[in-house]
């Protein structure tokens, strides 16, 4: 359903790719759809919301604070997930996420996840395990980039 790159930047089996259509339909009932105009912020650095964003259309840029202002770290498009760190740890957002073009995302809030966990515990476990997989893939890719720069 949603993708993320492996250590070499290749697309891996997507986020929740093992779900069937019925399970996807069930999960979608616990999310909120949101549209964003070009230039609109979906997430603001420092915000304390913990929603997990599943990009369904358009393109977002991830902007991180630097010494000279916000710097573009990457782009996210359909199939990408954003906000998984705050979803897990509840810490303030570390970056801005801004729509580059008209874009859409599904948002799984902590309250939505709690309802999912109570009503559909197996599906909730799949979400958590796949988010863990996404985080481990991103962490390994980050370590490889640091190693390539001689910083590890």
N, C-alpha and C. Protein backbone atom coordinates (compact mmCIF):
# COMPACT_ATOMS: atom_id res chain seq x y z
N UNK A 1 0.83 -1.20 0.00
CA UNK A 1 0.00 0.00 0.00
C UNK A 1 0.87 1.25 0.00
N UNK A 2 1.79 1.36 0.96
CA UNK A 2 2.68 2.51 1.05
C UNK A 2 4.11 2.00 0.99
N UNK A 3 4.99 2.78 0.35
CA UNK A 3 6.36 2.31 0.14
C UNK A 3 7.34 3.13 0.94
N UNK A 4 8.54 2.57 1.09
CA UNK A 4 9.67 3.31 1.61
C UNK A 4 10.93 2.66 1.06
N UNK A 5 11.99 3.45 0.91
CA UNK A 5 13.19 2.93 0.26
C UNK A 5 14.04 2.09 1.21
N UNK A 6 14.80 1.15 0.62
CA UNK A 6 15.76 0.40 1.41
C UNK A 6 17.06 1.20 1.49
N UNK A 7 18.12 0.58 1.98
CA UNK A 7 19.39 1.29 2.18
C UNK A 7 19.97 1.87 0.90
N UNK A 8 19.67 1.26 -0.26
CA UNK A 8 20.18 1.76 -1.53
C UNK A 8 19.19 2.67 -2.24
N UNK A 9 18.10 3.01 -1.59
CA UNK A 9 17.11 3.90 -2.18
C UNK A 9 16.09 3.19 -3.05
N UNK A 10 16.15 1.84 -3.13
CA UNK A 10 15.18 1.08 -3.92
C UNK A 10 13.90 0.93 -3.10
N UNK A 11 12.78 0.94 -3.78
CA UNK A 11 11.50 0.74 -3.11
C UNK A 11 11.42 -0.69 -2.58
N UNK A 12 10.94 -0.82 -1.36
CA UNK A 12 10.77 -2.13 -0.74
C UNK A 12 9.30 -2.50 -0.78
N UNK A 13 9.00 -3.69 -0.26
CA UNK A 13 7.60 -4.05 -0.11
C UNK A 13 6.95 -2.93 0.70
N UNK A 14 5.86 -2.43 0.24
CA UNK A 14 5.25 -1.25 0.81
C UNK A 14 4.72 -1.41 2.22
N UNK A 15 4.51 -0.28 2.84
CA UNK A 15 3.92 -0.23 4.17
C UNK A 15 2.56 -0.91 4.10
N UNK A 16 2.37 -1.89 4.92
CA UNK A 16 1.12 -2.66 5.01
C UNK A 16 0.79 -3.40 3.72
N UNK A 17 1.82 -3.78 2.97
CA UNK A 17 1.61 -4.49 1.70
C UNK A 17 0.98 -5.86 1.88
N UNK A 18 1.07 -6.41 3.08
CA UNK A 18 0.51 -7.75 3.31
C UNK A 18 -0.99 -7.72 3.59
N UNK A 19 -1.57 -6.52 3.71
CA UNK A 19 -3.00 -6.43 4.00
C UNK A 19 -3.82 -6.72 2.74
N UNK A 20 -4.96 -7.36 2.95
CA UNK A 20 -5.87 -7.55 1.82
C UNK A 20 -6.82 -6.34 1.73
N UNK A 21 -7.64 -6.30 0.71
CA UNK A 21 -8.51 -5.15 0.48
C UNK A 21 -9.46 -4.89 1.65
N UNK A 22 -9.97 -5.93 2.26
CA UNK A 22 -10.88 -5.78 3.40
C UNK A 22 -10.15 -5.14 4.59
N UNK A 23 -8.93 -5.59 4.84
CA UNK A 23 -8.15 -5.03 5.95
C UNK A 23 -7.80 -3.57 5.69
N UNK A 24 -7.48 -3.25 4.44
CA UNK A 24 -7.19 -1.85 4.09
C UNK A 24 -8.43 -1.00 4.30
N UNK A 25 -9.57 -1.48 3.85
CA UNK A 25 -10.83 -0.75 4.05
C UNK A 25 -11.11 -0.54 5.53
N UNK A 26 -10.84 -1.54 6.32
CA UNK A 26 -11.04 -1.42 7.77
C UNK A 26 -10.12 -0.36 8.34
N UNK A 27 -8.85 -0.41 7.99
CA UNK A 27 -7.89 0.57 8.49
C UNK A 27 -8.30 1.99 8.10
N UNK A 28 -8.76 2.18 6.88
CA UNK A 28 -9.12 3.51 6.41
C UNK A 28 -10.25 4.13 7.23
N UNK A 29 -11.08 3.31 7.83
CA UNK A 29 -12.16 3.83 8.68
C UNK A 29 -11.63 4.53 9.93
N UNK A 30 -10.40 4.27 10.28
CA UNK A 30 -9.80 4.87 11.47
C UNK A 30 -8.91 6.07 11.15
N UNK A 31 -8.85 6.45 9.88
CA UNK A 31 -8.04 7.59 9.46
C UNK A 31 -8.92 8.77 9.07
N UNK A 32 -8.28 9.92 8.93
CA UNK A 32 -8.95 11.13 8.48
C UNK A 32 -8.27 11.59 7.19
N UNK A 33 -9.06 11.82 6.15
CA UNK A 33 -8.52 12.32 4.89
C UNK A 33 -8.37 13.83 4.97
N UNK A 34 -7.28 14.34 4.41
CA UNK A 34 -7.03 15.78 4.42
C UNK A 34 -6.37 16.18 3.11
N UNK A 35 -6.79 17.31 2.55
CA UNK A 35 -6.21 17.87 1.34
C UNK A 35 -5.39 19.10 1.72
N UNK A 36 -4.33 19.35 0.94
CA UNK A 36 -3.44 20.48 1.19
C UNK A 36 -3.21 21.25 -0.10
N UNK A 37 -3.30 22.56 -0.01
CA UNK A 37 -3.01 23.43 -1.15
C UNK A 37 -1.49 23.58 -1.29
N UNK A 38 -1.01 23.91 -2.49
CA UNK A 38 0.43 24.15 -2.65
C UNK A 38 0.91 25.19 -1.64
N UNK A 39 2.00 24.88 -0.96
CA UNK A 39 2.58 25.78 0.03
C UNK A 39 2.02 25.61 1.44
N UNK A 40 0.95 24.86 1.59
CA UNK A 40 0.34 24.67 2.91
C UNK A 40 1.14 23.67 3.74
N UNK A 41 1.31 24.00 5.02
CA UNK A 41 2.01 23.10 5.92
C UNK A 41 1.06 22.02 6.43
N UNK A 42 1.48 20.78 6.32
CA UNK A 42 0.74 19.67 6.92
C UNK A 42 1.23 19.47 8.34
N UNK A 43 2.52 19.65 8.54
CA UNK A 43 3.15 19.50 9.85
C UNK A 43 4.10 20.68 10.03
N UNK A 44 4.08 21.24 11.23
CA UNK A 44 4.98 22.36 11.55
C UNK A 44 5.99 21.90 12.60
N UNK A 45 7.25 22.20 12.38
CA UNK A 45 8.29 21.87 13.34
C UNK A 45 7.90 22.42 14.71
N UNK A 46 8.02 21.60 15.74
CA UNK A 46 7.67 22.00 17.10
C UNK A 46 6.26 21.64 17.52
N UNK A 47 5.38 21.35 16.55
CA UNK A 47 4.01 20.95 16.90
C UNK A 47 4.04 19.68 17.74
N UNK A 48 3.01 19.50 18.53
CA UNK A 48 2.97 18.34 19.42
C UNK A 48 1.93 17.30 19.00
N UNK A 49 1.28 17.50 17.85
CA UNK A 49 0.35 16.47 17.41
C UNK A 49 1.14 15.21 17.08
N UNK A 50 0.48 14.05 17.16
CA UNK A 50 1.19 12.78 16.98
C UNK A 50 0.64 11.97 15.82
N UNK A 51 -0.10 12.59 14.92
CA UNK A 51 -0.67 11.86 13.80
C UNK A 51 0.37 11.28 12.87
N UNK A 52 0.04 10.11 12.33
CA UNK A 52 0.86 9.45 11.31
C UNK A 52 0.23 9.77 9.97
N UNK A 53 1.01 10.30 9.03
CA UNK A 53 0.51 10.73 7.73
C UNK A 53 0.86 9.69 6.67
N UNK A 54 -0.14 9.28 5.92
CA UNK A 54 0.03 8.36 4.81
C UNK A 54 -0.27 9.15 3.55
N UNK A 55 0.75 9.49 2.78
CA UNK A 55 0.59 10.34 1.60
C UNK A 55 -0.14 9.54 0.51
N UNK A 56 -1.24 10.10 0.02
CA UNK A 56 -2.02 9.40 -1.01
C UNK A 56 -1.97 10.10 -2.37
N UNK A 57 -1.64 11.38 -2.39
CA UNK A 57 -1.58 12.12 -3.66
C UNK A 57 -0.70 13.35 -3.48
N UNK A 58 -0.08 13.77 -4.57
CA UNK A 58 0.70 15.01 -4.55
C UNK A 58 2.13 14.79 -4.14
N UNK A 59 2.72 15.85 -3.59
CA UNK A 59 4.13 15.83 -3.21
C UNK A 59 4.35 16.79 -2.05
N UNK A 60 5.04 16.32 -1.05
CA UNK A 60 5.39 17.13 0.11
C UNK A 60 6.91 17.25 0.19
N UNK A 61 7.37 18.39 0.70
CA UNK A 61 8.80 18.52 0.98
C UNK A 61 8.98 18.53 2.49
N UNK A 62 10.05 17.89 2.92
CA UNK A 62 10.40 17.82 4.34
C UNK A 62 11.48 18.86 4.57
N UNK A 63 11.21 19.81 5.44
CA UNK A 63 12.13 20.91 5.72
C UNK A 63 12.61 20.82 7.16
N UNK A 64 13.93 20.74 7.35
CA UNK A 64 14.50 20.64 8.68
C UNK A 64 15.23 21.92 9.04
N UNK A 65 15.25 22.27 10.33
CA UNK A 65 15.93 23.50 10.73
C UNK A 65 17.45 23.36 10.58
N UNK A 66 18.05 24.40 10.02
CA UNK A 66 19.50 24.46 9.86
C UNK A 66 20.00 25.80 10.39
N UNK A 67 21.28 26.01 10.30
CA UNK A 67 21.85 27.27 10.79
C UNK A 67 21.35 28.49 10.03
N UNK A 68 20.99 28.30 8.77
CA UNK A 68 20.53 29.43 7.93
C UNK A 68 19.05 29.32 7.60
N UNK A 69 18.29 28.69 8.47
CA UNK A 69 16.86 28.54 8.21
C UNK A 69 16.50 27.11 7.87
N UNK A 70 15.33 26.96 7.30
CA UNK A 70 14.84 25.62 6.98
C UNK A 70 15.51 25.11 5.70
N UNK A 71 15.94 23.84 5.74
CA UNK A 71 16.61 23.20 4.61
C UNK A 71 15.79 22.00 4.15
N UNK A 72 15.68 21.85 2.84
CA UNK A 72 14.93 20.71 2.30
C UNK A 72 15.74 19.44 2.50
N UNK A 73 15.16 18.48 3.21
CA UNK A 73 15.82 17.20 3.46
C UNK A 73 15.45 16.19 2.38
N UNK A 74 14.19 16.18 1.98
CA UNK A 74 13.72 15.20 1.00
C UNK A 74 12.32 15.56 0.55
N UNK A 75 11.81 14.77 -0.37
CA UNK A 75 10.43 14.88 -0.81
C UNK A 75 9.70 13.59 -0.45
N UNK A 76 8.41 13.68 -0.24
CA UNK A 76 7.55 12.51 -0.01
C UNK A 76 6.39 12.58 -0.98
N UNK A 77 6.03 11.43 -1.50
CA UNK A 77 4.93 11.36 -2.46
C UNK A 77 4.01 10.21 -2.14
N UNK A 78 3.10 9.93 -3.05
CA UNK A 78 2.13 8.86 -2.82
C UNK A 78 2.82 7.56 -2.40
N UNK A 79 2.29 6.99 -1.34
CA UNK A 79 2.85 5.75 -0.81
C UNK A 79 3.82 5.95 0.33
N UNK A 80 4.26 7.19 0.58
CA UNK A 80 5.20 7.44 1.67
C UNK A 80 4.46 7.69 2.97
N UNK A 81 5.16 7.41 4.07
CA UNK A 81 4.63 7.69 5.41
C UNK A 81 5.48 8.78 6.05
N UNK A 82 4.83 9.64 6.81
CA UNK A 82 5.48 10.77 7.45
C UNK A 82 4.96 10.88 8.87
N UNK A 83 5.84 11.20 9.80
CA UNK A 83 5.41 11.47 11.16
C UNK A 83 5.47 10.28 12.10
N UNK A 84 6.17 9.23 11.69
CA UNK A 84 6.19 8.03 12.51
C UNK A 84 6.95 8.21 13.82
N UNK A 85 7.94 9.11 13.86
CA UNK A 85 8.66 9.31 15.12
C UNK A 85 7.75 9.91 16.19
N UNK A 86 7.06 10.98 15.87
CA UNK A 86 6.15 11.60 16.85
C UNK A 86 5.00 10.66 17.19
N UNK A 87 4.58 9.86 16.24
CA UNK A 87 3.51 8.89 16.48
C UNK A 87 3.92 7.96 17.62
N UNK A 88 5.20 7.54 17.61
CA UNK A 88 5.69 6.63 18.64
C UNK A 88 6.09 7.33 19.93
N UNK A 89 6.88 8.40 19.82
CA UNK A 89 7.48 8.94 21.05
C UNK A 89 6.79 10.16 21.64
N UNK A 90 5.85 10.75 20.92
CA UNK A 90 5.11 11.89 21.46
C UNK A 90 5.92 13.17 21.57
N UNK A 91 7.13 13.18 21.03
CA UNK A 91 7.96 14.39 21.08
C UNK A 91 7.50 15.38 20.02
N UNK A 92 7.83 16.67 20.20
CA UNK A 92 7.46 17.66 19.18
C UNK A 92 8.04 17.32 17.81
N UNK A 93 7.35 17.77 16.78
CA UNK A 93 7.79 17.53 15.40
C UNK A 93 9.16 18.14 15.16
N UNK A 94 9.99 17.41 14.41
CA UNK A 94 11.36 17.84 14.15
C UNK A 94 11.52 18.57 12.83
N UNK A 95 10.46 18.64 12.02
CA UNK A 95 10.57 19.23 10.69
C UNK A 95 9.22 19.79 10.25
N UNK A 96 9.28 20.68 9.27
CA UNK A 96 8.07 21.11 8.57
C UNK A 96 7.81 20.13 7.44
N UNK A 97 6.55 19.88 7.15
CA UNK A 97 6.15 19.10 5.99
C UNK A 97 5.19 19.98 5.21
N UNK A 98 5.60 20.38 4.00
CA UNK A 98 4.84 21.35 3.21
C UNK A 98 4.46 20.77 1.86
N UNK A 99 3.23 20.99 1.47
CA UNK A 99 2.76 20.54 0.16
C UNK A 99 3.46 21.37 -0.92
N UNK A 100 4.02 20.68 -1.90
CA UNK A 100 4.65 21.34 -3.03
C UNK A 100 3.60 21.63 -4.10
N UNK A 101 2.71 20.69 -4.30
CA UNK A 101 1.58 20.81 -5.21
C UNK A 101 0.33 20.40 -4.43
N UNK A 102 -0.84 20.50 -5.03
CA UNK A 102 -2.04 20.03 -4.36
C UNK A 102 -1.81 18.58 -3.93
N UNK A 103 -2.02 18.30 -2.66
CA UNK A 103 -1.65 17.00 -2.10
C UNK A 103 -2.72 16.51 -1.14
N UNK A 104 -2.65 15.20 -0.86
CA UNK A 104 -3.61 14.59 0.06
C UNK A 104 -2.89 13.58 0.94
N UNK A 105 -3.42 13.43 2.14
CA UNK A 105 -2.88 12.44 3.08
C UNK A 105 -4.01 11.87 3.92
N UNK A 106 -3.81 10.66 4.38
CA UNK A 106 -4.66 10.05 5.38
C UNK A 106 -3.91 10.18 6.70
N UNK A 107 -4.61 10.57 7.75
CA UNK A 107 -3.96 10.77 9.04
C UNK A 107 -4.53 9.77 10.04
N UNK A 108 -3.63 9.01 10.64
CA UNK A 108 -4.01 8.11 11.72
C UNK A 108 -3.59 8.79 13.01
N UNK A 109 -4.57 9.30 13.75
CA UNK A 109 -4.29 9.99 15.00
C UNK A 109 -4.09 8.96 16.11
N UNK A 110 -3.50 9.37 17.23
CA UNK A 110 -3.40 8.44 18.36
C UNK A 110 -4.77 7.93 18.82
N UNK A 111 -5.78 8.78 18.81
CA UNK A 111 -7.13 8.34 19.20
C UNK A 111 -7.67 7.32 18.21
N UNK A 112 -7.45 7.55 16.91
CA UNK A 112 -7.86 6.59 15.90
C UNK A 112 -7.14 5.26 16.07
N UNK A 113 -5.85 5.34 16.39
CA UNK A 113 -5.09 4.12 16.60
C UNK A 113 -5.60 3.37 17.83
N UNK A 114 -5.91 4.10 18.89
CA UNK A 114 -6.42 3.44 20.10
C UNK A 114 -7.74 2.71 19.82
N UNK A 115 -8.62 3.34 19.04
CA UNK A 115 -9.86 2.65 18.65
C UNK A 115 -9.55 1.41 17.82
N UNK A 116 -8.62 1.54 16.89
CA UNK A 116 -8.20 0.40 16.07
C UNK A 116 -7.65 -0.71 16.96
N UNK A 117 -6.83 -0.34 17.94
CA UNK A 117 -6.19 -1.31 18.83
C UNK A 117 -7.23 -2.11 19.62
N UNK A 118 -8.28 -1.44 20.05
CA UNK A 118 -9.32 -2.11 20.84
C UNK A 118 -10.21 -2.98 19.96
N UNK A 119 -10.60 -2.46 18.81
CA UNK A 119 -11.58 -3.15 17.96
C UNK A 119 -10.93 -4.15 17.01
N UNK A 120 -9.75 -3.81 16.51
CA UNK A 120 -9.04 -4.65 15.52
C UNK A 120 -7.59 -4.86 15.98
N UNK A 121 -7.36 -5.58 17.08
CA UNK A 121 -6.00 -5.68 17.63
C UNK A 121 -4.97 -6.29 16.67
N UNK A 122 -5.34 -7.27 15.87
CA UNK A 122 -4.39 -7.88 14.94
C UNK A 122 -3.95 -6.86 13.89
N UNK A 123 -4.90 -6.08 13.40
CA UNK A 123 -4.59 -5.05 12.41
C UNK A 123 -3.71 -3.96 13.02
N UNK A 124 -4.00 -3.57 14.26
CA UNK A 124 -3.18 -2.58 14.95
C UNK A 124 -1.75 -3.09 15.12
N UNK A 125 -1.60 -4.36 15.45
CA UNK A 125 -0.27 -4.94 15.59
C UNK A 125 0.47 -4.90 14.26
N UNK A 126 -0.21 -5.20 13.16
CA UNK A 126 0.41 -5.11 11.83
C UNK A 126 0.91 -3.71 11.55
N UNK A 127 0.12 -2.70 11.92
CA UNK A 127 0.52 -1.30 11.72
C UNK A 127 1.80 -1.01 12.50
N UNK A 128 1.83 -1.38 13.77
CA UNK A 128 2.99 -1.10 14.61
C UNK A 128 4.24 -1.83 14.10
N UNK A 129 4.08 -3.09 13.77
CA UNK A 129 5.24 -3.85 13.28
C UNK A 129 5.76 -3.29 11.97
N UNK A 130 4.87 -2.87 11.08
CA UNK A 130 5.33 -2.32 9.82
C UNK A 130 5.95 -0.93 9.99
N UNK A 131 5.45 -0.16 10.94
CA UNK A 131 6.10 1.12 11.24
C UNK A 131 7.51 0.88 11.78
N UNK A 132 7.65 -0.14 12.62
CA UNK A 132 8.98 -0.51 13.11
C UNK A 132 9.90 -0.89 11.96
N UNK A 133 9.37 -1.62 10.99
CA UNK A 133 10.16 -2.00 9.82
C UNK A 133 10.58 -0.75 9.04
N UNK A 134 9.65 0.19 8.86
CA UNK A 134 9.98 1.43 8.15
C UNK A 134 11.07 2.21 8.87
N UNK A 135 10.95 2.30 10.19
CA UNK A 135 11.97 3.01 10.96
C UNK A 135 13.33 2.33 10.87
N UNK A 136 13.35 1.01 10.94
CA UNK A 136 14.64 0.32 10.87
C UNK A 136 15.27 0.50 9.49
N UNK A 137 14.48 0.48 8.44
CA UNK A 137 15.02 0.69 7.09
C UNK A 137 15.60 2.10 6.98
N UNK A 138 14.87 3.09 7.48
CA UNK A 138 15.38 4.47 7.41
C UNK A 138 16.63 4.64 8.26
N UNK A 139 16.68 4.01 9.42
CA UNK A 139 17.84 4.12 10.30
C UNK A 139 19.07 3.47 9.65
N UNK A 140 18.89 2.31 9.04
CA UNK A 140 20.01 1.66 8.35
C UNK A 140 20.52 2.51 7.19
N UNK A 141 19.60 3.11 6.44
CA UNK A 141 20.00 3.97 5.32
C UNK A 141 20.78 5.18 5.84
N UNK A 142 20.33 5.75 6.94
CA UNK A 142 21.01 6.89 7.56
C UNK A 142 22.42 6.49 7.99
N UNK A 143 22.54 5.33 8.63
CA UNK A 143 23.87 4.85 9.05
C UNK A 143 24.78 4.64 7.86
N UNK A 144 24.25 4.11 6.77
CA UNK A 144 25.07 3.91 5.57
C UNK A 144 25.54 5.24 5.01
N UNK A 145 24.67 6.25 5.01
CA UNK A 145 25.09 7.57 4.51
C UNK A 145 26.19 8.15 5.42
N UNK A 146 26.05 8.01 6.73
CA UNK A 146 27.08 8.50 7.64
C UNK A 146 28.40 7.75 7.42
N UNK A 147 28.32 6.45 7.26
CA UNK A 147 29.52 5.64 7.02
C UNK A 147 30.20 6.08 5.72
N UNK A 148 29.43 6.34 4.69
CA UNK A 148 29.98 6.76 3.41
C UNK A 148 30.68 8.11 3.53
N UNK A 149 30.21 8.95 4.45
CA UNK A 149 30.83 10.26 4.67
C UNK A 149 31.99 10.18 5.66
N UNK A 150 32.25 8.98 6.20
CA UNK A 150 33.33 8.80 7.18
C UNK A 150 32.98 9.32 8.55
N UNK A 151 31.71 9.41 8.86
CA UNK A 151 31.29 9.96 10.15
C UNK A 151 30.88 8.90 11.16
N UNK A 152 31.08 7.63 10.80
CA UNK A 152 30.78 6.55 11.74
C UNK A 152 32.06 5.85 12.14
